[in-house]
Amino acid sequence: MAHMKQQIKRYKNDNRKHLENVSKKSALKTSIAKVLKAVEAGDKEAAMTLYNDCARQLDASVTHGLHHKNYASNQKSRLMKKINSL
């Protein structure tokens, strides 16, 4: 552990941000899984509403620096293909 006051603050902030990032990534994965579950059930209406929420979360993760923009684009494209196949 660091001894200087500023480094102790930095350590605490880094841990707090890490926990927030882990929580946001987990929520995003859950959102993607919900869309896939709705697609498997064959419910296009529910899948589209869940997809809209998921796409919003993906865009937010890019702006907050959690994911690369290509990751979000690939996920949105993959989910939309599955929805359109219904």
PDB file of N, CA and C in Angstrom:
ATOM      1  N   MET A   1       0.843  -1.181   0.000  1.00  0.00           N
ATOM      2  CA  MET A   1       0.000   0.000   0.000  1.00  0.00           C
ATOM      3  C   MET A   1       0.882   1.236   0.000  1.00  0.00           C
ATOM      4  N   ALA A   2       0.402   2.280  -0.630  1.00  0.00           N
ATOM      5  CA  ALA A   2       1.159   3.522  -0.733  1.00  0.00           C
ATOM      6  C   ALA A   2       1.210   4.233   0.615  1.00  0.00           C
ATOM      7  N   HIS A   3       2.207   5.103   0.755  1.00  0.00           N
ATOM      8  CA  HIS A   3       2.371   5.836   2.002  1.00  0.00           C
ATOM      9  C   HIS A   3       1.969   7.303   1.869  1.00  0.00           C
ATOM     10  N   MET A   4       2.044   7.843   0.662  1.00  0.00           N
ATOM     11  CA  MET A   4       1.706   9.249   0.480  1.00  0.00           C
ATOM     12  C   MET A   4       0.187   9.419   0.427  1.00  0.00           C
ATOM     13  N   LYS A   5      -0.253  10.566   0.935  1.00  0.00           N
ATOM     14  CA  LYS A   5      -1.682  10.832   1.041  1.00  0.00           C
ATOM     15  C   LYS A   5      -2.384  10.771  -0.314  1.00  0.00           C
ATOM     16  N   GLN A   6      -1.789  11.392  -1.337  1.00  0.00           N
ATOM     17  CA  GLN A   6      -2.403  11.416  -2.661  1.00  0.00           C
ATOM     18  C   GLN A   6      -2.497  10.006  -3.256  1.00  0.00           C
ATOM     19  N   GLN A   7      -1.500   9.187  -3.024  1.00  0.00           N
ATOM     20  CA  GLN A   7      -1.526   7.829  -3.561  1.00  0.00           C
ATOM     21  C   GLN A   7      -2.575   6.967  -2.855  1.00  0.00           C
ATOM     22  N   ILE A   8      -2.782   7.225  -1.573  1.00  0.00           N
ATOM     23  CA  ILE A   8      -3.835   6.506  -0.842  1.00  0.00           C
ATOM     24  C   ILE A   8      -5.204   6.880  -1.421  1.00  0.00           C
ATOM     25  N   LYS A   9      -5.406   8.178  -1.693  1.00  0.00           N
ATOM     26  CA  LYS A   9      -6.660   8.628  -2.313  1.00  0.00           C
ATOM     27  C   LYS A   9      -6.839   7.974  -3.679  1.00  0.00           C
ATOM     28  N   ARG A  10      -5.765   7.951  -4.457  1.00  0.00           N
ATOM     29  CA  ARG A  10      -5.827   7.367  -5.789  1.00  0.00           C
ATOM     30  C   ARG A  10      -6.210   5.885  -5.712  1.00  0.00           C
ATOM     31  N   TYR A  11      -5.631   5.169  -4.760  1.00  0.00           N
ATOM     32  CA  TYR A  11      -5.928   3.752  -4.574  1.00  0.00           C
ATOM     33  C   TYR A  11      -7.414   3.550  -4.257  1.00  0.00           C
ATOM     34  N   LYS A  12      -7.950   4.383  -3.372  1.00  0.00           N
ATOM     35  CA  LYS A  12      -9.366   4.260  -3.008  1.00  0.00           C
ATOM     36  C   LYS A  12     -10.265   4.563  -4.207  1.00  0.00           C
ATOM     37  N   ASN A  13      -9.941   5.615  -4.958  1.00  0.00           N
ATOM     38  CA  ASN A  13     -10.751   5.974  -6.123  1.00  0.00           C
ATOM     39  C   ASN A  13     -10.681   4.904  -7.199  1.00  0.00           C
ATOM     40  N   ASP A  14      -9.490   4.335  -7.404  1.00  0.00           N
ATOM     41  CA  ASP A  14      -9.342   3.278  -8.399  1.00  0.00           C
ATOM     42  C   ASP A  14     -10.201   2.069  -8.050  1.00  0.00           C
ATOM     43  N   ASN A  15     -10.223   1.711  -6.782  1.00  0.00           N
ATOM     44  CA  ASN A  15     -11.047   0.575  -6.361  1.00  0.00           C
ATOM     45  C   ASN A  15     -12.531   0.858  -6.554  1.00  0.00           C
ATOM     46  N   ARG A  16     -12.944   2.079  -6.219  1.00  0.00           N
ATOM     47  CA  ARG A  16     -14.351   2.447  -6.383  1.00  0.00           C
ATOM     48  C   ARG A  16     -14.763   2.406  -7.849  1.00  0.00           C
ATOM     49  N   LYS A  17     -13.928   2.974  -8.731  1.00  0.00           N
ATOM     50  CA  LYS A  17     -14.229   2.974 -10.165  1.00  0.00           C
ATOM     51  C   LYS A  17     -14.218   1.551 -10.721  1.00  0.00           C
ATOM     52  N   HIS A  18     -13.311   0.721 -10.228  1.00  0.00           N
ATOM     53  CA  HIS A  18     -13.258  -0.665 -10.696  1.00  0.00           C
ATOM     54  C   HIS A  18     -14.567  -1.389 -10.385  1.00  0.00           C
ATOM     55  N   LEU A  19     -15.082  -1.196  -9.176  1.00  0.00           N
ATOM     56  CA  LEU A  19     -16.341  -1.841  -8.800  1.00  0.00           C
ATOM     57  C   LEU A  19     -17.496  -1.324  -9.651  1.00  0.00           C
ATOM     58  N   GLU A  20     -17.501  -0.029  -9.945  1.00  0.00           N
ATOM     59  CA  GLU A  20     -18.556   0.532 -10.795  1.00  0.00           C
ATOM     60  C   GLU A  20     -18.480  -0.065 -12.203  1.00  0.00           C
ATOM     61  N   ASN A  21     -17.260  -0.166 -12.734  1.00  0.00           N
ATOM     62  CA  ASN A  21     -17.088  -0.703 -14.081  1.00  0.00           C
ATOM     63  C   ASN A  21     -17.509  -2.160 -14.160  1.00  0.00           C
ATOM     64  N   VAL A  22     -17.167  -2.943 -13.147  1.00  0.00           N
ATOM     65  CA  VAL A  22     -17.560  -4.348 -13.126  1.00  0.00           C
ATOM     66  C   VAL A  22     -19.078  -4.467 -13.091  1.00  0.00           C
ATOM     67  N   SER A  23     -19.722  -3.605 -12.307  1.00  0.00           N
ATOM     68  CA  SER A  23     -21.173  -3.630 -12.206  1.00  0.00           C
ATOM     69  C   SER A  23     -21.830  -3.264 -13.536  1.00  0.00           C
ATOM     70  N   LYS A  24     -21.299  -2.232 -14.205  1.00  0.00           N
ATOM     71  CA  LYS A  24     -21.869  -1.810 -15.484  1.00  0.00           C
ATOM     72  C   LYS A  24     -21.681  -2.874 -16.561  1.00  0.00           C
ATOM     73  N   LYS A  25     -20.514  -3.524 -16.583  1.00  0.00           N
ATOM     74  CA  LYS A  25     -20.271  -4.576 -17.566  1.00  0.00           C
ATOM     75  C   LYS A  25     -21.193  -5.762 -17.322  1.00  0.00           C
ATOM     76  N   SER A  26     -21.416  -6.094 -16.066  1.00  0.00           N
ATOM     77  CA  SER A  26     -22.297  -7.205 -15.731  1.00  0.00           C
ATOM     78  C   SER A  26     -23.740  -6.901 -16.143  1.00  0.00           C
ATOM     79  N   ALA A  27     -24.186  -5.679 -15.901  1.00  0.00           N
ATOM     80  CA  ALA A  27     -25.541  -5.279 -16.292  1.00  0.00           C
ATOM     81  C   ALA A  27     -25.700  -5.335 -17.803  1.00  0.00           C
ATOM     82  N   LEU A  28     -24.653  -4.959 -18.529  1.00  0.00           N
ATOM     83  CA  LEU A  28     -24.701  -4.991 -19.989  1.00  0.00           C
ATOM     84  C   LEU A  28     -24.809  -6.430 -20.491  1.00  0.00           C
ATOM     85  N   LYS A  29     -24.030  -7.323 -19.900  1.00  0.00           N
ATOM     86  CA  LYS A  29     -24.090  -8.732 -20.302  1.00  0.00           C
ATOM     87  C   LYS A  29     -25.469  -9.326 -20.017  1.00  0.00           C
ATOM     88  N   THR A  30     -26.060  -8.928 -18.891  1.00  0.00           N
ATOM     89  CA  THR A  30     -27.400  -9.397 -18.550  1.00  0.00           C
ATOM     90  C   THR A  30     -28.412  -8.885 -19.565  1.00  0.00           C
ATOM     91  N   SER A  31     -28.257  -7.644 -19.974  1.00  0.00           N
ATOM     92  CA  SER A  31     -29.162  -7.056 -20.962  1.00  0.00           C
ATOM     93  C   SER A  31     -29.069  -7.793 -22.292  1.00  0.00           C
ATOM     94  N   ILE A  32     -27.855  -8.112 -22.712  1.00  0.00           N
ATOM     95  CA  ILE A  32     -27.663  -8.862 -23.957  1.00  0.00           C
ATOM     96  C   ILE A  32     -28.293 -10.245 -23.841  1.00  0.00           C
ATOM     97  N   ALA A  33     -28.128 -10.878 -22.697  1.00  0.00           N
ATOM     98  CA  ALA A  33     -28.699 -12.210 -22.494  1.00  0.00           C
ATOM     99  C   ALA A  33     -30.226 -12.178 -22.538  1.00  0.00           C
ATOM    100  N   LYS A  34     -30.825 -11.114 -22.027  1.00  0.00           N
ATOM    101  CA  LYS A  34     -32.284 -10.986 -22.054  1.00  0.00           C
ATOM    102  C   LYS A  34     -32.792 -10.880 -23.489  1.00  0.00           C
ATOM    103  N   VAL A  35     -32.061 -10.135 -24.323  1.00  0.00           N
ATOM    104  CA  VAL A  35     -32.454 -10.020 -25.729  1.00  0.00           C
ATOM    105  C   VAL A  35     -32.386 -11.396 -26.397  1.00  0.00           C
ATOM    106  N   LEU A  36     -31.307 -12.112 -26.158  1.00  0.00           N
ATOM    107  CA  LEU A  36     -31.147 -13.436 -26.765  1.00  0.00           C
ATOM    108  C   LEU A  36     -32.220 -14.410 -26.279  1.00  0.00           C
ATOM    109  N   LYS A  37     -32.591 -14.287 -25.022  1.00  0.00           N
ATOM    110  CA  LYS A  37     -33.641 -15.153 -24.475  1.00  0.00           C
ATOM    111  C   LYS A  37     -34.988 -14.855 -25.131  1.00  0.00           C
ATOM    112  N   ALA A  38     -35.275 -13.580 -25.361  1.00  0.00           N
ATOM    113  CA  ALA A  38     -36.522 -13.200 -26.021  1.00  0.00           C
ATOM    114  C   ALA A  38     -36.529 -13.689 -27.466  1.00  0.00           C
ATOM    115  N   VAL A  39     -35.369 -13.666 -28.123  1.00  0.00           N
ATOM    116  CA  VAL A  39     -35.279 -14.166 -29.503  1.00  0.00           C
ATOM    117  C   VAL A  39     -35.530 -15.669 -29.531  1.00  0.00           C
ATOM    118  N   GLU A  40     -34.952 -16.392 -28.583  1.00  0.00           N
ATOM    119  CA  GLU A  40     -35.169 -17.840 -28.520  1.00  0.00           C
ATOM    120  C   GLU A  40     -36.631 -18.174 -28.269  1.00  0.00           C
ATOM    121  N   ALA A  41     -37.294 -17.326 -27.491  1.00  0.00           N
ATOM    122  CA  ALA A  41     -38.711 -17.559 -27.216  1.00  0.00           C
ATOM    123  C   ALA A  41     -39.576 -17.202 -28.420  1.00  0.00           C
ATOM    124  N   GLY A  42     -39.011 -16.463 -29.380  1.00  0.00           N
ATOM    125  CA  GLY A  42     -39.754 -16.109 -30.581  1.00  0.00           C
ATOM    126  C   GLY A  42     -40.615 -14.873 -30.431  1.00  0.00           C
ATOM    127  N   ASP A  43     -40.377 -14.093 -29.394  1.00  0.00           N
ATOM    128  CA  ASP A  43     -41.174 -12.889 -29.141  1.00  0.00           C
ATOM    129  C   ASP A  43     -40.448 -11.670 -29.715  1.00  0.00           C
ATOM    130  N   LYS A  44     -40.807 -11.303 -30.949  1.00  0.00           N
ATOM    131  CA  LYS A  44     -40.110 -10.216 -31.633  1.00  0.00           C
ATOM    132  C   LYS A  44     -40.390  -8.868 -30.986  1.00  0.00           C
ATOM    133  N   GLU A  45     -41.606  -8.657 -30.532  1.00  0.00           N
ATOM    134  CA  GLU A  45     -41.972  -7.381 -29.899  1.00  0.00           C
ATOM    135  C   GLU A  45     -41.139  -7.133 -28.644  1.00  0.00           C
ATOM    136  N   ALA A  46     -41.060  -8.138 -27.768  1.00  0.00           N
ATOM    137  CA  ALA A  46     -40.272  -7.998 -26.543  1.00  0.00           C
ATOM    138  C   ALA A  46     -38.791  -7.875 -26.862  1.00  0.00           C
ATOM    139  N   ALA A  47     -38.336  -8.617 -27.862  1.00  0.00           N
ATOM    140  CA  ALA A  47     -36.928  -8.568 -28.238  1.00  0.00           C
ATOM    141  C   ALA A  47     -36.540  -7.173 -28.716  1.00  0.00           C
ATOM    142  N   MET A  48     -37.423  -6.514 -29.459  1.00  0.00           N
ATOM    143  CA  MET A  48     -37.118  -5.172 -29.946  1.00  0.00           C
ATOM    144  C   MET A  48     -37.050  -4.154 -28.807  1.00  0.00           C
ATOM    145  N   THR A  49     -37.970  -4.242 -27.861  1.00  0.00           N
ATOM    146  CA  THR A  49     -37.925  -3.301 -26.733  1.00  0.00           C
ATOM    147  C   THR A  49     -36.675  -3.530 -25.891  1.00  0.00           C
ATOM    148  N   LEU A  50     -36.324  -4.800 -25.671  1.00  0.00           N
ATOM    149  CA  LEU A  50     -35.104  -5.103 -24.920  1.00  0.00           C
ATOM    150  C   LEU A  50     -33.864  -4.687 -25.698  1.00  0.00           C
ATOM    151  N   TYR A  51     -33.921  -4.836 -27.017  1.00  0.00           N
ATOM    152  CA  TYR A  51     -32.784  -4.437 -27.854  1.00  0.00           C
ATOM    153  C   TYR A  51     -32.536  -2.932 -27.766  1.00  0.00           C
ATOM    154  N   ASN A  52     -33.610  -2.137 -27.775  1.00  0.00           N
ATOM    155  CA  ASN A  52     -33.458  -0.686 -27.683  1.00  0.00           C
ATOM    156  C   ASN A  52     -32.755  -0.284 -26.388  1.00  0.00           C
ATOM    157  N   ASP A  53     -33.137  -0.923 -25.292  1.00  0.00           N
ATOM    158  CA  ASP A  53     -32.492  -0.646 -24.016  1.00  0.00           C
ATOM    159  C   ASP A  53     -31.029  -1.103 -24.041  1.00  0.00           C
ATOM    160  N   CYS A  54     -30.793  -2.250 -24.637  1.00  0.00           N
ATOM    161  CA  CYS A  54     -29.444  -2.799 -24.716  1.00  0.00           C
ATOM    162  C   CYS A  54     -28.540  -1.915 -25.582  1.00  0.00           C
ATOM    163  N   ALA A  55     -29.056  -1.436 -26.686  1.00  0.00           N
ATOM    164  CA  ALA A  55     -28.278  -0.570 -27.571  1.00  0.00           C
ATOM    165  C   ALA A  55     -27.913   0.728 -26.853  1.00  0.00           C
ATOM    166  N   ARG A  56     -28.820   1.246 -26.051  1.00  0.00           N
ATOM    167  CA  ARG A  56     -28.549   2.451 -25.275  1.00  0.00           C
ATOM    168  C   ARG A  56     -27.416   2.195 -24.282  1.00  0.00           C
ATOM    169  N   GLN A  57     -27.445   1.028 -23.625  1.00  0.00           N
ATOM    170  CA  GLN A  57     -26.387   0.679 -22.681  1.00  0.00           C
ATOM    171  C   GLN A  57     -25.050   0.484 -23.378  1.00  0.00           C
ATOM    172  N   LEU A  58     -25.078  -0.119 -24.563  1.00  0.00           N
ATOM    173  CA  LEU A  58     -23.841  -0.312 -25.317  1.00  0.00           C
ATOM    174  C   LEU A  58     -23.226   1.032 -25.698  1.00  0.00           C
ATOM    175  N   ASP A  59     -24.049   1.955 -26.159  1.00  0.00           N
ATOM    176  CA  ASP A  59     -23.546   3.273 -26.526  1.00  0.00           C
ATOM    177  C   ASP A  59     -22.980   4.005 -25.306  1.00  0.00           C
ATOM    178  N   ALA A  60     -23.643   3.849 -24.174  1.00  0.00           N
ATOM    179  CA  ALA A  60     -23.157   4.488 -22.950  1.00  0.00           C
ATOM    180  C   ALA A  60     -21.826   3.890 -22.513  1.00  0.00           C
ATOM    181  N   SER A  61     -21.665   2.580 -22.690  1.00  0.00           N
ATOM    182  CA  SER A  61     -20.402   1.947 -22.299  1.00  0.00           C
ATOM    183  C   SER A  61     -19.250   2.439 -23.162  1.00  0.00           C
ATOM    184  N   VAL A  62     -19.545   2.772 -24.413  1.00  0.00           N
ATOM    185  CA  VAL A  62     -18.502   3.316 -25.284  1.00  0.00           C
ATOM    186  C   VAL A  62     -18.130   4.728 -24.843  1.00  0.00           C
ATOM    187  N   THR A  63     -19.126   5.545 -24.550  1.00  0.00           N
ATOM    188  CA  THR A  63     -18.829   6.922 -24.161  1.00  0.00           C
ATOM    189  C   THR A  63     -18.114   6.996 -22.820  1.00  0.00           C
ATOM    190  N   HIS A  64     -18.371   6.030 -21.942  1.00  0.00           N
ATOM    191  CA  HIS A  64     -17.703   6.013 -20.639  1.00  0.00           C
ATOM    192  C   HIS A  64     -16.362   5.294 -20.683  1.00  0.00           C
ATOM    193  N   GLY A  65     -16.009   4.744 -21.834  1.00  0.00           N
ATOM    194  CA  GLY A  65     -14.698   4.125 -21.976  1.00  0.00           C
ATOM    195  C   GLY A  65     -14.614   2.695 -21.503  1.00  0.00           C
ATOM    196  N   LEU A  66     -15.744   2.035 -21.310  1.00  0.00           N
ATOM    197  CA  LEU A  66     -15.709   0.640 -20.869  1.00  0.00           C
ATOM    198  C   LEU A  66     -15.418  -0.306 -22.029  1.00  0.00           C
ATOM    199  N   HIS A  67     -15.923   0.021 -23.199  1.00  0.00           N
ATOM    200  CA  HIS A  67     -15.754  -0.833 -24.371  1.00  0.00           C
ATOM    201  C   HIS A  67     -15.320  -0.005 -25.571  1.00  0.00           C
ATOM    202  N   HIS A  68     -14.754  -0.698 -26.541  1.00  0.00           N
ATOM    203  CA  HIS A  68     -14.373  -0.065 -27.801  1.00  0.00           C
ATOM    204  C   HIS A  68     -15.620   0.099 -28.656  1.00  0.00           C
ATOM    205  N   LYS A  69     -15.619   1.091 -29.525  1.00  0.00           N
ATOM    206  CA  LYS A  69     -16.797   1.356 -30.346  1.00  0.00           C
ATOM    207  C   LYS A  69     -17.105   0.195 -31.281  1.00  0.00           C
ATOM    208  N   ASN A  70     -16.074  -0.537 -31.720  1.00  0.00           N
ATOM    209  CA  ASN A  70     -16.313  -1.683 -32.597  1.00  0.00           C
ATOM    210  C   ASN A  70     -17.012  -2.813 -31.852  1.00  0.00           C
ATOM    211  N   TYR A  71     -16.724  -2.968 -30.562  1.00  0.00           N
ATOM    212  CA  TYR A  71     -17.403  -3.987 -29.764  1.00  0.00           C
ATOM    213  C   TYR A  71     -18.900  -3.704 -29.736  1.00  0.00           C
ATOM    214  N   ALA A  72     -19.251  -2.453 -29.482  1.00  0.00           N
ATOM    215  CA  ALA A  72     -20.666  -2.087 -29.415  1.00  0.00           C
ATOM    216  C   ALA A  72     -21.332  -2.285 -30.767  1.00  0.00           C
ATOM    217  N   SER A  73     -20.666  -1.900 -31.833  1.00  0.00           N
ATOM    218  CA  SER A  73     -21.238  -2.056 -33.173  1.00  0.00           C
ATOM    219  C   SER A  73     -21.452  -3.524 -33.503  1.00  0.00           C
ATOM    220  N   ASN A  74     -20.476  -4.353 -33.188  1.00  0.00           N
ATOM    221  CA  ASN A  74     -20.597  -5.784 -33.478  1.00  0.00           C
ATOM    222  C   ASN A  74     -21.735  -6.413 -32.682  1.00  0.00           C
ATOM    223  N   GLN A  75     -21.860  -6.038 -31.412  1.00  0.00           N
ATOM    224  CA  GLN A  75     -22.933  -6.598 -30.591  1.00  0.00           C
ATOM    225  C   GLN A  75     -24.302  -6.172 -31.106  1.00  0.00           C
ATOM    226  N   LYS A  76     -24.451  -4.896 -31.438  1.00  0.00           N
ATOM    227  CA  LYS A  76     -25.741  -4.409 -31.939  1.00  0.00           C
ATOM    228  C   LYS A  76     -26.098  -5.082 -33.257  1.00  0.00           C
ATOM    229  N   SER A  77     -25.107  -5.257 -34.120  1.00  0.00           N
ATOM    230  CA  SER A  77     -25.345  -5.902 -35.406  1.00  0.00           C
ATOM    231  C   SER A  77     -25.743  -7.365 -35.218  1.00  0.00           C
ATOM    232  N   ARG A  78     -25.039  -8.049 -34.331  1.00  0.00           N
ATOM    233  CA  ARG A  78     -25.319  -9.461 -34.077  1.00  0.00           C
ATOM    234  C   ARG A  78     -26.723  -9.642 -33.516  1.00  0.00           C
ATOM    235  N   LEU A  79     -27.098  -8.796 -32.580  1.00  0.00           N
ATOM    236  CA  LEU A  79     -28.431  -8.909 -31.973  1.00  0.00           C
ATOM    237  C   LEU A  79     -29.522  -8.575 -32.986  1.00  0.00           C
ATOM    238  N   MET A  80     -29.290  -7.561 -33.806  1.00  0.00           N
ATOM    239  CA  MET A  80     -30.304  -7.175 -34.792  1.00  0.00           C
ATOM    240  C   MET A  80     -30.496  -8.261 -35.836  1.00  0.00           C
ATOM    241  N   LYS A  81     -29.424  -8.936 -36.223  1.00  0.00           N
ATOM    242  CA  LYS A  81     -29.551 -10.047 -37.168  1.00  0.00           C
ATOM    243  C   LYS A  81     -30.444 -11.136 -36.596  1.00  0.00           C
ATOM    244  N   LYS A  82     -30.250 -11.442 -35.322  1.00  0.00           N
ATOM    245  CA  LYS A  82     -31.063 -12.494 -34.690  1.00  0.00           C
ATOM    246  C   LYS A  82     -32.520 -12.071 -34.591  1.00  0.00           C
ATOM    247  N   ILE A  83     -32.759 -10.799 -34.292  1.00  0.00           N
ATOM    248  CA  ILE A  83     -34.139 -10.314 -34.194  1.00  0.00           C
ATOM    249  C   ILE A  83     -34.810 -10.338 -35.571  1.00  0.00           C
ATOM    250  N   ASN A  84     -34.081  -9.913 -36.595  1.00  0.00           N
ATOM    251  CA  ASN A  84     -34.649  -9.877 -37.943  1.00  0.00           C
ATOM    252  C   ASN A  84     -34.895 -11.263 -38.509  1.00  0.00           C
ATOM    253  N   SER A  85     -34.230 -12.272 -37.975  1.00  0.00           N
ATOM    254  CA  SER A  85     -34.435 -13.632 -38.467  1.00  0.00           C
ATOM    255  C   SER A  85     -35.759 -14.222 -37.985  1.00  0.00           C
ATOM    256  N   LEU A  86     -36.404 -13.545 -37.026  1.00  0.00           N
ATOM    257  CA  LEU A  86     -37.692 -14.059 -36.525  1.00  0.00           C
ATOM    258  C   LEU A  86     -38.797 -13.891 -37.565  1.00  0.00           C
TER     259      LEU A  86
END
